[in-house]
Amino acid sequence: MKTGLKIDSGFVQLFRQFETLTANSDPKFKNLFDSYEAAFKNSRSKRVGSTPHLDVLTLFGLAEDELRHSRVLSWFLRPDAEHEQGAIFTQALLRLVAG
């Protein structure tokens, strides 16, 4: 899967180092993320009753534009698209569907 774009080797190396550190990190690191996630969910659950449901498609007048929705989905699901994320969106969708 070639996108025609070069990936900075320094970025790749940095990302791999981050993955290694987080995989083998002190439990305090994981606890920090877990605490943040719990606090965020708690905060959101308190606000959900007083904040409106944000529907960006309606907000931008696109709620009933199925052709545009299809184009956006197609763009996300194409591994060689300009988003440069490869098959990450397709893989996430398949994991979600598979349960």
Protein backbone atom coordinates (compact mmCIF):
# COMPACT_ATOMS: atom_id res chain seq x y z
CA MET A 1 0.00 0.00 0.00
CA LYS A 2 1.92 3.01 -1.26
CA THR A 3 0.60 6.51 -0.86
CA GLY A 4 3.44 8.21 -2.70
CA LEU A 5 4.32 10.13 0.45
CA LYS A 6 7.44 9.75 2.55
CA ILE A 7 7.02 9.17 6.25
CA ASP A 8 9.61 10.92 8.37
CA SER A 9 11.78 8.15 9.83
CA GLY A 10 12.32 10.27 12.95
CA PHE A 11 8.56 10.31 13.54
CA VAL A 12 8.33 6.55 13.05
CA GLN A 13 11.17 6.01 15.50
CA LEU A 14 9.61 8.36 18.05
CA PHE A 15 6.24 6.64 17.72
CA ARG A 16 7.82 3.19 18.19
CA GLN A 17 9.64 4.43 21.30
CA PHE A 18 6.36 5.78 22.67
CA GLU A 19 4.63 2.44 22.01
CA THR A 20 7.45 0.58 23.76
CA LEU A 21 7.40 2.90 26.75
CA THR A 22 3.65 2.72 27.17
CA ALA A 23 3.59 -1.05 26.74
CA ASN A 24 6.27 -1.56 29.40
CA SER A 25 5.52 1.42 31.57
CA ASP A 26 5.01 1.80 35.24
CA PRO A 27 1.41 1.09 36.27
CA LYS A 28 1.19 4.75 37.31
CA PHE A 29 1.19 5.71 33.63
CA LYS A 30 -1.79 3.46 32.88
CA ASN A 31 -3.53 4.65 36.04
CA LEU A 32 -3.12 8.24 34.89
CA PHE A 33 -4.92 7.51 31.61
CA ASP A 34 -7.57 5.42 33.36
CA SER A 35 -8.19 8.22 35.87
CA TYR A 36 -8.47 10.78 33.10
CA GLU A 37 -10.91 8.63 31.16
CA ALA A 38 -13.06 8.05 34.26
CA ALA A 39 -13.07 11.77 35.11
CA PHE A 40 -13.97 12.67 31.51
CA LYS A 41 -16.84 10.17 31.40
CA ASN A 42 -18.10 11.38 34.78
CA SER A 43 -17.96 15.01 33.66
CA ARG A 44 -19.71 14.21 30.38
CA SER A 45 -22.47 12.25 32.11
CA LYS A 46 -23.17 15.28 34.32
CA ARG A 47 -23.38 17.62 31.30
CA VAL A 48 -25.32 15.38 28.93
CA GLY A 49 -28.70 16.40 30.36
CA SER A 50 -28.04 20.11 29.96
CA THR A 51 -26.20 20.20 26.65
CA PRO A 52 -27.93 19.63 23.34
CA HIS A 53 -27.15 16.67 21.15
CA LEU A 54 -24.66 17.99 18.62
CA ASP A 55 -25.38 16.69 15.15
CA VAL A 56 -22.71 18.15 12.86
CA LEU A 57 -24.50 16.97 9.73
CA THR A 58 -27.60 18.96 10.65
CA LEU A 59 -25.49 21.87 11.82
CA PHE A 60 -23.88 22.16 8.38
CA GLY A 61 -27.08 21.42 6.48
CA LEU A 62 -25.93 18.01 5.32
CA ALA A 63 -28.27 15.71 7.24
CA GLU A 64 -30.12 14.49 4.16
CA ASP A 65 -27.29 14.48 1.62
CA GLU A 66 -26.72 10.73 1.20
CA LEU A 67 -24.45 11.10 -1.79
CA ARG A 68 -22.08 13.30 0.21
CA HIS A 69 -22.21 10.83 3.12
CA SER A 70 -21.25 8.02 0.74
CA ARG A 71 -18.32 10.03 -0.61
CA VAL A 72 -17.05 10.77 2.89
CA LEU A 73 -17.37 7.13 3.96
CA SER A 74 -15.64 6.03 0.77
CA TRP A 75 -12.78 8.43 1.48
CA PHE A 76 -12.33 7.11 5.03
CA LEU A 77 -12.47 3.48 3.92
CA ARG A 78 -9.95 3.83 1.06
CA PRO A 79 -6.53 2.87 2.42
CA ASP A 80 -4.78 4.95 -0.26
CA ALA A 81 -6.81 8.12 0.35
CA GLU A 82 -5.28 11.48 1.22
CA HIS A 83 -5.94 11.03 4.96
CA GLU A 84 -2.69 9.00 5.03
CA GLN A 85 -4.01 6.62 7.68
CA GLY A 86 -3.96 3.48 5.56
CA ALA A 87 -6.59 0.92 6.47
CA ILE A 88 -7.03 2.10 10.07
CA PHE A 89 -10.64 3.23 9.53
CA THR A 90 -11.62 0.02 7.72
CA GLN A 91 -9.98 -2.07 10.43
CA ALA A 92 -11.76 -0.11 13.17
CA LEU A 93 -15.09 -0.56 11.41
CA LEU A 94 -14.52 -4.29 11.02
CA ARG A 95 -13.58 -4.62 14.71
CA LEU A 96 -16.73 -2.71 15.66
CA VAL A 97 -18.95 -4.87 13.43
CA ALA A 98 -17.30 -8.10 14.56
CA GLY A 99 -17.93 -7.19 18.19
